Each structure stands twice: as C-alpha cells, then as structure tokens.
C-alpha cells in the first residue's frame, strides 16, 4: 500500500518514515504508521503528516512530527 521509495526516503521536501507493527501469528502486519515531515521546517506553508491503518491522514503545522492525536485533514 505504501510505495517503497516513500517508506524510508525523501521526496518533494519531505522525509517519509514507515514503521510496521508486529506480525501476527500468520505473519501478517496489520498495523503501521507513516509520517511525512518537512526536511526544513518553515513557519508558513509546510506541515507534518501522519497516517496509520485507519487510513485517516492527520497533520500539524508545528515544528514536530504529526501523531494520531493531531486533527484529521479537512477539520
């Protein structure tokens, strides 16, 4: 579901970090987190993003990684 180039790299001024959850008894990974953080934080225009297996994209305009506690896009 996540492009391998984005899962642990950079693109378009963002650093992407993919963290898989533990494997279940069948070997499946059912949880994950994916963050996108600006390579250089600026006061205007760049935000950090977060998503997980819920597929809800969350964001923050603060100079920190976004988390599951941040508001979803569109709110």
PDB file of N, CA and C in Angstrom:
ATOM      1  N   UNK A   1       0.813  -1.187   0.000  1.00  0.00           N
ATOM      2  CA  UNK A   1       0.000   0.000   0.000  1.00  0.00           C
ATOM      3  C   UNK A   1       0.865   1.263   0.000  1.00  0.00           C
ATOM      4  N   UNK A   2       2.083   1.183   0.531  1.00  0.00           N
ATOM      5  CA  UNK A   2       2.985   2.323   0.559  1.00  0.00           C
ATOM      6  C   UNK A   2       4.132   2.066  -0.396  1.00  0.00           C
ATOM      7  N   UNK A   3       4.362   2.994  -1.291  1.00  0.00           N
ATOM      8  CA  UNK A   3       5.458   2.889  -2.232  1.00  0.00           C
ATOM      9  C   UNK A   3       6.776   2.735  -1.472  1.00  0.00           C
ATOM     10  N   UNK A   4       7.596   1.771  -1.843  1.00  0.00           N
ATOM     11  CA  UNK A   4       8.842   1.510  -1.118  1.00  0.00           C
ATOM     12  C   UNK A   4       9.791   2.709  -1.160  1.00  0.00           C
ATOM     13  N   UNK A   5       9.713   3.519  -2.209  1.00  0.00           N
ATOM     14  CA  UNK A   5      10.548   4.714  -2.287  1.00  0.00           C
ATOM     15  C   UNK A   5      10.187   5.752  -1.247  1.00  0.00           C
ATOM     16  N   UNK A   6       8.928   5.784  -0.859  1.00  0.00           N
ATOM     17  CA  UNK A   6       8.491   6.739   0.156  1.00  0.00           C
ATOM     18  C   UNK A   6       8.631   6.195   1.565  1.00  0.00           C
ATOM     19  N   UNK A   7       8.631   4.907   1.724  1.00  0.00           N
ATOM     20  CA  UNK A   7       8.589   4.279   3.047  1.00  0.00           C
ATOM     21  C   UNK A   7       9.799   4.607   3.910  1.00  0.00           C
ATOM     22  N   UNK A   8      10.869   4.999   3.335  1.00  0.00           N
ATOM     23  CA  UNK A   8      12.049   5.318   4.139  1.00  0.00           C
ATOM     24  C   UNK A   8      12.973   6.267   3.412  1.00  0.00           C
ATOM     25  N   UNK A   9      12.385   7.248   2.732  1.00  0.00           N
ATOM     26  CA  UNK A   9      13.205   8.149   1.948  1.00  0.00           C
ATOM     27  C   UNK A   9      12.677   9.564   1.951  1.00  0.00           C
ATOM     28  N   UNK A  10      13.061  10.285   0.936  1.00  0.00           N
ATOM     29  CA  UNK A  10      12.632  11.673   0.815  1.00  0.00           C
ATOM     30  C   UNK A  10      12.032  11.910  -0.557  1.00  0.00           C
ATOM     31  N   UNK A  11      11.119  12.877  -0.594  1.00  0.00           N
ATOM     32  CA  UNK A  11      10.514  13.280  -1.848  1.00  0.00           C
ATOM     33  C   UNK A  11       9.832  14.619  -1.643  1.00  0.00           C
ATOM     34  N   UNK A  12      10.027  15.523  -2.587  1.00  0.00           N
ATOM     35  CA  UNK A  12       9.335  16.811  -2.584  1.00  0.00           C
ATOM     36  C   UNK A  12       9.421  17.532  -1.241  1.00  0.00           C
ATOM     37  N   UNK A  13      10.623  17.692  -0.718  1.00  0.00           N
ATOM     38  CA  UNK A  13      10.899  18.437   0.514  1.00  0.00           C
ATOM     39  C   UNK A  13      10.443  17.751   1.791  1.00  0.00           C
ATOM     40  N   UNK A  14      10.071  16.478   1.719  1.00  0.00           N
ATOM     41  CA  UNK A  14       9.619  15.739   2.892  1.00  0.00           C
ATOM     42  C   UNK A  14      10.452  14.486   3.121  1.00  0.00           C
ATOM     43  N   UNK A  15      10.632  14.150   4.401  1.00  0.00           N
ATOM     44  CA  UNK A  15      11.232  12.875   4.790  1.00  0.00           C
ATOM     45  C   UNK A  15      10.093  11.959   5.230  1.00  0.00           C
ATOM     46  N   UNK A  16      10.046  10.765   4.684  1.00  0.00           N
ATOM     47  CA  UNK A  16       8.995   9.799   4.983  1.00  0.00           C
ATOM     48  C   UNK A  16       9.554   8.679   5.852  1.00  0.00           C
ATOM     49  N   UNK A  17       8.767   8.281   6.860  1.00  0.00           N
ATOM     50  CA  UNK A  17       9.174   7.193   7.737  1.00  0.00           C
ATOM     51  C   UNK A  17       8.014   6.216   7.894  1.00  0.00           C
ATOM     52  N   UNK A  18       8.245   4.983   7.511  1.00  0.00           N
ATOM     53  CA  UNK A  18       7.256   3.904   7.647  1.00  0.00           C
ATOM     54  C   UNK A  18       7.702   2.999   8.780  1.00  0.00           C
ATOM     55  N   UNK A  19       6.790   2.733   9.714  1.00  0.00           N
ATOM     56  CA  UNK A  19       7.089   1.840  10.832  1.00  0.00           C
ATOM     57  C   UNK A  19       6.033   0.750  10.883  1.00  0.00           C
ATOM     58  N   UNK A  20       6.396  -0.481  10.531  1.00  0.00           N
ATOM     59  CA  UNK A  20       5.417  -1.568  10.585  1.00  0.00           C
ATOM     60  C   UNK A  20       5.175  -2.009  12.025  1.00  0.00           C
ATOM     61  N   UNK A  21       3.967  -2.521  12.283  1.00  0.00           N
ATOM     62  CA  UNK A  21       3.658  -3.115  13.583  1.00  0.00           C
ATOM     63  C   UNK A  21       4.189  -4.532  13.642  1.00  0.00           C
ATOM     64  N   UNK A  22       3.862  -5.207  14.712  1.00  0.00           N
ATOM     65  CA  UNK A  22       4.292  -6.607  14.868  1.00  0.00           C
ATOM     66  C   UNK A  22       3.518  -7.522  13.935  1.00  0.00           C
ATOM     67  N   UNK A  23       4.148  -8.611  13.581  1.00  0.00           N
ATOM     68  CA  UNK A  23       3.478  -9.624  12.762  1.00  0.00           C
ATOM     69  C   UNK A  23       2.555 -10.453  13.648  1.00  0.00           C
ATOM     70  N   UNK A  24       1.402 -10.812  13.103  1.00  0.00           N
ATOM     71  CA  UNK A  24       0.502 -11.682  13.856  1.00  0.00           C
ATOM     72  C   UNK A  24       0.944 -13.138  13.689  1.00  0.00           C
ATOM     73  N   UNK A  25       0.172 -14.070  14.227  1.00  0.00           N
ATOM     74  CA  UNK A  25       0.538 -15.493  14.186  1.00  0.00           C
ATOM     75  C   UNK A  25       0.686 -16.016  12.762  1.00  0.00           C
ATOM     76  N   UNK A  26      -0.019 -15.412  11.821  1.00  0.00           N
ATOM     77  CA  UNK A  26       0.063 -15.831  10.423  1.00  0.00           C
ATOM     78  C   UNK A  26       1.158 -15.090   9.654  1.00  0.00           C
ATOM     79  N   UNK A  27       1.862 -14.182  10.348  1.00  0.00           N
ATOM     80  CA  UNK A  27       2.935 -13.451   9.691  1.00  0.00           C
ATOM     81  C   UNK A  27       2.509 -12.150   9.043  1.00  0.00           C
ATOM     82  N   UNK A  28       1.265 -11.767   9.205  1.00  0.00           N
ATOM     83  CA  UNK A  28       0.760 -10.528   8.606  1.00  0.00           C
ATOM     84  C   UNK A  28       1.059  -9.324   9.496  1.00  0.00           C
ATOM     85  N   UNK A  29       1.347  -8.213   8.855  1.00  0.00           N
ATOM     86  CA  UNK A  29       1.498  -6.943   9.561  1.00  0.00           C
ATOM     87  C   UNK A  29       0.185  -6.197   9.372  1.00  0.00           C
ATOM     88  N   UNK A  30      -0.530  -6.002  10.455  1.00  0.00           N
ATOM     89  CA  UNK A  30      -1.850  -5.385  10.356  1.00  0.00           C
ATOM     90  C   UNK A  30      -1.879  -3.945  10.853  1.00  0.00           C
ATOM     91  N   UNK A  31      -0.802  -3.494  11.469  1.00  0.00           N
ATOM     92  CA  UNK A  31      -0.737  -2.108  11.921  1.00  0.00           C
ATOM     93  C   UNK A  31       0.544  -1.469  11.403  1.00  0.00           C
ATOM     94  N   UNK A  32       0.525  -0.159  11.246  1.00  0.00           N
ATOM     95  CA  UNK A  32       1.697   0.572  10.791  1.00  0.00           C
ATOM     96  C   UNK A  32       1.491   2.055  11.068  1.00  0.00           C
ATOM     97  N   UNK A  33       2.554   2.810  10.985  1.00  0.00           N
ATOM     98  CA  UNK A  33       2.464   4.265  10.958  1.00  0.00           C
ATOM     99  C   UNK A  33       3.316   4.758   9.803  1.00  0.00           C
ATOM    100  N   UNK A  34       2.901   5.873   9.241  1.00  0.00           N
ATOM    101  CA  UNK A  34       3.637   6.518   8.167  1.00  0.00           C
ATOM    102  C   UNK A  34       3.618   8.012   8.455  1.00  0.00           C
ATOM    103  N   UNK A  35       4.799   8.609   8.540  1.00  0.00           N
ATOM    104  CA  UNK A  35       4.876  10.044   8.765  1.00  0.00           C
ATOM    105  C   UNK A  35       5.613  10.714   7.620  1.00  0.00           C
ATOM    106  N   UNK A  36       5.252  11.947   7.379  1.00  0.00           N
ATOM    107  CA  UNK A  36       5.935  12.797   6.401  1.00  0.00           C
ATOM    108  C   UNK A  36       6.234  14.111   7.109  1.00  0.00           C
ATOM    109  N   UNK A  37       7.502  14.439   7.167  1.00  0.00           N
ATOM    110  CA  UNK A  37       7.917  15.648   7.891  1.00  0.00           C
ATOM    111  C   UNK A  37       8.772  16.497   6.958  1.00  0.00           C
ATOM    112  N   UNK A  38       8.569  17.823   6.963  1.00  0.00           N
ATOM    113  CA  UNK A  38       9.385  18.675   6.097  1.00  0.00           C
ATOM    114  C   UNK A  38      10.875  18.519   6.406  1.00  0.00           C
ATOM    115  N   UNK A  39      11.692  18.518   5.354  1.00  0.00           N
ATOM    116  CA  UNK A  39      13.137  18.452   5.555  1.00  0.00           C
ATOM    117  C   UNK A  39      13.636  19.704   6.262  1.00  0.00           C
ATOM    118  N   UNK A  40      13.025  20.846   5.956  1.00  0.00           N
ATOM    119  CA  UNK A  40      13.322  22.101   6.638  1.00  0.00           C
ATOM    120  C   UNK A  40      11.994  22.724   7.034  1.00  0.00           C
ATOM    121  N   UNK A  41      11.805  22.890   8.322  1.00  0.00           N
ATOM    122  CA  UNK A  41      10.559  23.478   8.792  1.00  0.00           C
ATOM    123  C   UNK A  41      10.543  24.961   8.458  1.00  0.00           C
ATOM    124  N   UNK A  42       9.413  25.407   7.962  1.00  0.00           N
ATOM    125  CA  UNK A  42       9.188  26.827   7.690  1.00  0.00           C
ATOM    126  C   UNK A  42       7.940  27.245   8.440  1.00  0.00           C
ATOM    127  N   UNK A  43       7.881  28.492   8.811  1.00  0.00           N
ATOM    128  CA  UNK A  43       6.712  28.960   9.560  1.00  0.00           C
ATOM    129  C   UNK A  43       5.431  28.904   8.723  1.00  0.00           C
ATOM    130  N   UNK A  44       5.541  29.049   7.441  1.00  0.00           N
ATOM    131  CA  UNK A  44       4.340  29.079   6.596  1.00  0.00           C
ATOM    132  C   UNK A  44       4.436  28.038   5.496  1.00  0.00           C
ATOM    133  N   UNK A  45       3.370  27.329   5.279  1.00  0.00           N
ATOM    134  CA  UNK A  45       3.241  26.508   4.094  1.00  0.00           C
ATOM    135  C   UNK A  45       3.580  25.038   4.198  1.00  0.00           C
ATOM    136  N   UNK A  46       4.397  24.633   5.154  1.00  0.00           N
ATOM    137  CA  UNK A  46       4.729  23.217   5.254  1.00  0.00           C
ATOM    138  C   UNK A  46       4.169  22.641   6.543  1.00  0.00           C
ATOM    139  N   UNK A  47       3.637  21.445   6.448  1.00  0.00           N
ATOM    140  CA  UNK A  47       3.059  20.760   7.594  1.00  0.00           C
ATOM    141  C   UNK A  47       3.643  19.358   7.677  1.00  0.00           C
ATOM    142  N   UNK A  48       3.524  18.752   8.848  1.00  0.00           N
ATOM    143  CA  UNK A  48       3.882  17.344   9.017  1.00  0.00           C
ATOM    144  C   UNK A  48       2.607  16.524   8.948  1.00  0.00           C
ATOM    145  N   UNK A  49       2.714  15.292   8.425  1.00  0.00           N
ATOM    146  CA  UNK A  49       1.551  14.432   8.244  1.00  0.00           C
ATOM    147  C   UNK A  49       1.762  13.075   8.894  1.00  0.00           C
ATOM    148  N   UNK A  50       0.662  12.428   9.236  1.00  0.00           N
ATOM    149  CA  UNK A  50       0.679  11.120   9.887  1.00  0.00           C
ATOM    150  C   UNK A  50      -0.508  10.313   9.373  1.00  0.00           C
ATOM    151  N   UNK A  51      -0.304   9.033   9.156  1.00  0.00           N
ATOM    152  CA  UNK A  51      -1.417   8.125   8.903  1.00  0.00           C
ATOM    153  C   UNK A  51      -1.045   6.752   9.457  1.00  0.00           C
ATOM    154  N   UNK A  52      -2.057   5.935   9.625  1.00  0.00           N
ATOM    155  CA  UNK A  52      -1.845   4.562  10.086  1.00  0.00           C
ATOM    156  C   UNK A  52      -2.888   3.673   9.411  1.00  0.00           C
ATOM    157  N   UNK A  53      -3.088   2.482   9.960  1.00  0.00           N
ATOM    158  CA  UNK A  53      -4.007   1.532   9.329  1.00  0.00           C
ATOM    159  C   UNK A  53      -5.444   2.018   9.264  1.00  0.00           C
ATOM    160  N   UNK A  54      -5.787   3.076   9.987  1.00  0.00           N
ATOM    161  CA  UNK A  54      -7.140   3.648   9.898  1.00  0.00           C
ATOM    162  C   UNK A  54      -7.342   4.405   8.590  1.00  0.00           C
ATOM    163  N   UNK A  55      -6.248   4.746   7.928  1.00  0.00           N
ATOM    164  CA  UNK A  55      -6.234   5.498   6.669  1.00  0.00           C
ATOM    165  C   UNK A  55      -6.672   6.948   6.822  1.00  0.00           C
ATOM    166  N   UNK A  56      -6.749   7.437   8.045  1.00  0.00           N
ATOM    167  CA  UNK A  56      -7.046   8.843   8.302  1.00  0.00           C
ATOM    168  C   UNK A  56      -5.727   9.601   8.252  1.00  0.00           C
ATOM    169  N   UNK A  57      -5.669  10.657   7.466  1.00  0.00           N
ATOM    170  CA  UNK A  57      -4.462  11.475   7.375  1.00  0.00           C
ATOM    171  C   UNK A  57      -4.596  12.630   8.359  1.00  0.00           C
ATOM    172  N   UNK A  58      -3.611  12.755   9.235  1.00  0.00           N
ATOM    173  CA  UNK A  58      -3.616  13.798  10.260  1.00  0.00           C
ATOM    174  C   UNK A  58      -2.434  14.726  10.014  1.00  0.00           C
ATOM    175  N   UNK A  59      -2.503  15.933  10.572  1.00  0.00           N
ATOM    176  CA  UNK A  59      -1.458  16.917  10.286  1.00  0.00           C
ATOM    177  C   UNK A  59      -1.209  17.837  11.474  1.00  0.00           C
ATOM    178  N   UNK A  60      -0.062  18.508  11.424  1.00  0.00           N
ATOM    179  CA  UNK A  60       0.255  19.588  12.344  1.00  0.00           C
ATOM    180  C   UNK A  60       1.102  20.608  11.602  1.00  0.00           C
ATOM    181  N   UNK A  61       0.917  21.872  11.959  1.00  0.00           N
ATOM    182  CA  UNK A  61       1.750  22.947  11.420  1.00  0.00           C
ATOM    183  C   UNK A  61       2.858  23.302  12.400  1.00  0.00           C
ATOM    184  N   UNK A  62       2.942  22.576  13.520  1.00  0.00           N
ATOM    185  CA  UNK A  62       4.005  22.790  14.498  1.00  0.00           C
ATOM    186  C   UNK A  62       5.288  22.106  14.022  1.00  0.00           C
ATOM    187  N   UNK A  63       6.415  22.559  14.533  1.00  0.00           N
ATOM    188  CA  UNK A  63       7.715  22.001  14.146  1.00  0.00           C
ATOM    189  C   UNK A  63       7.971  20.705  14.916  1.00  0.00           C
ATOM    190  N   UNK A  64       7.218  19.650  14.546  1.00  0.00           N
ATOM    191  CA  UNK A  64       7.324  18.331  15.170  1.00  0.00           C
ATOM    192  C   UNK A  64       6.633  17.329  14.266  1.00  0.00           C
ATOM    193  N   UNK A  65       6.874  16.044  14.471  1.00  0.00           N
ATOM    194  CA  UNK A  65       6.143  15.044  13.688  1.00  0.00           C
ATOM    195  C   UNK A  65       4.659  15.037  14.076  1.00  0.00           C
ATOM    196  N   UNK A  66       3.799  14.827  13.123  1.00  0.00           N
ATOM    197  CA  UNK A  66       2.372  14.658  13.403  1.00  0.00           C
ATOM    198  C   UNK A  66       2.155  13.297  14.052  1.00  0.00           C
ATOM    199  N   UNK A  67       1.068  13.172  14.818  1.00  0.00           N
ATOM    200  CA  UNK A  67       0.763  11.924  15.514  1.00  0.00           C
ATOM    201  C   UNK A  67      -0.716  11.583  15.368  1.00  0.00           C
ATOM    202  N   UNK A  68      -1.109  10.462  15.925  1.00  0.00           N
ATOM    203  CA  UNK A  68      -2.507  10.029  15.907  1.00  0.00           C
ATOM    204  C   UNK A  68      -3.399  10.966  16.709  1.00  0.00           C
ATOM    205  N   UNK A  69      -2.826  11.831  17.526  1.00  0.00           N
ATOM    206  CA  UNK A  69      -3.604  12.767  18.337  1.00  0.00           C
ATOM    207  C   UNK A  69      -3.890  14.081  17.621  1.00  0.00           C
ATOM    208  N   UNK A  70      -3.265  14.304  16.463  1.00  0.00           N
ATOM    209  CA  UNK A  70      -3.482  15.543  15.709  1.00  0.00           C
ATOM    210  C   UNK A  70      -4.791  15.476  14.920  1.00  0.00           C
ATOM    211  N   UNK A  71      -5.308  16.641  14.506  1.00  0.00           N
ATOM    212  CA  UNK A  71      -6.580  16.635  13.781  1.00  0.00           C
ATOM    213  C   UNK A  71      -6.459  16.052  12.384  1.00  0.00           C
ATOM    214  N   UNK A  72      -7.529  15.423  11.912  1.00  0.00           N
ATOM    215  CA  UNK A  72      -7.513  14.921  10.531  1.00  0.00           C
ATOM    216  C   UNK A  72      -7.607  16.063   9.535  1.00  0.00           C
ATOM    217  N   UNK A  73      -7.113  15.837   8.346  1.00  0.00           N
ATOM    218  CA  UNK A  73      -7.223  16.822   7.270  1.00  0.00           C
ATOM    219  C   UNK A  73      -8.718  17.042   6.994  1.00  0.00           C
ATOM    220  N   UNK A  74      -9.071  18.285   6.800  1.00  0.00           N
ATOM    221  CA  UNK A  74     -10.461  18.622   6.493  1.00  0.00           C
ATOM    222  C   UNK A  74     -11.250  19.083   7.695  1.00  0.00           C
ATOM    223  N   UNK A  75     -10.618  19.122   8.854  1.00  0.00           N
ATOM    224  CA  UNK A  75     -11.309  19.586  10.071  1.00  0.00           C
ATOM    225  C   UNK A  75     -10.664  20.836  10.593  1.00  0.00           C
TER     226      UNK A  75
END
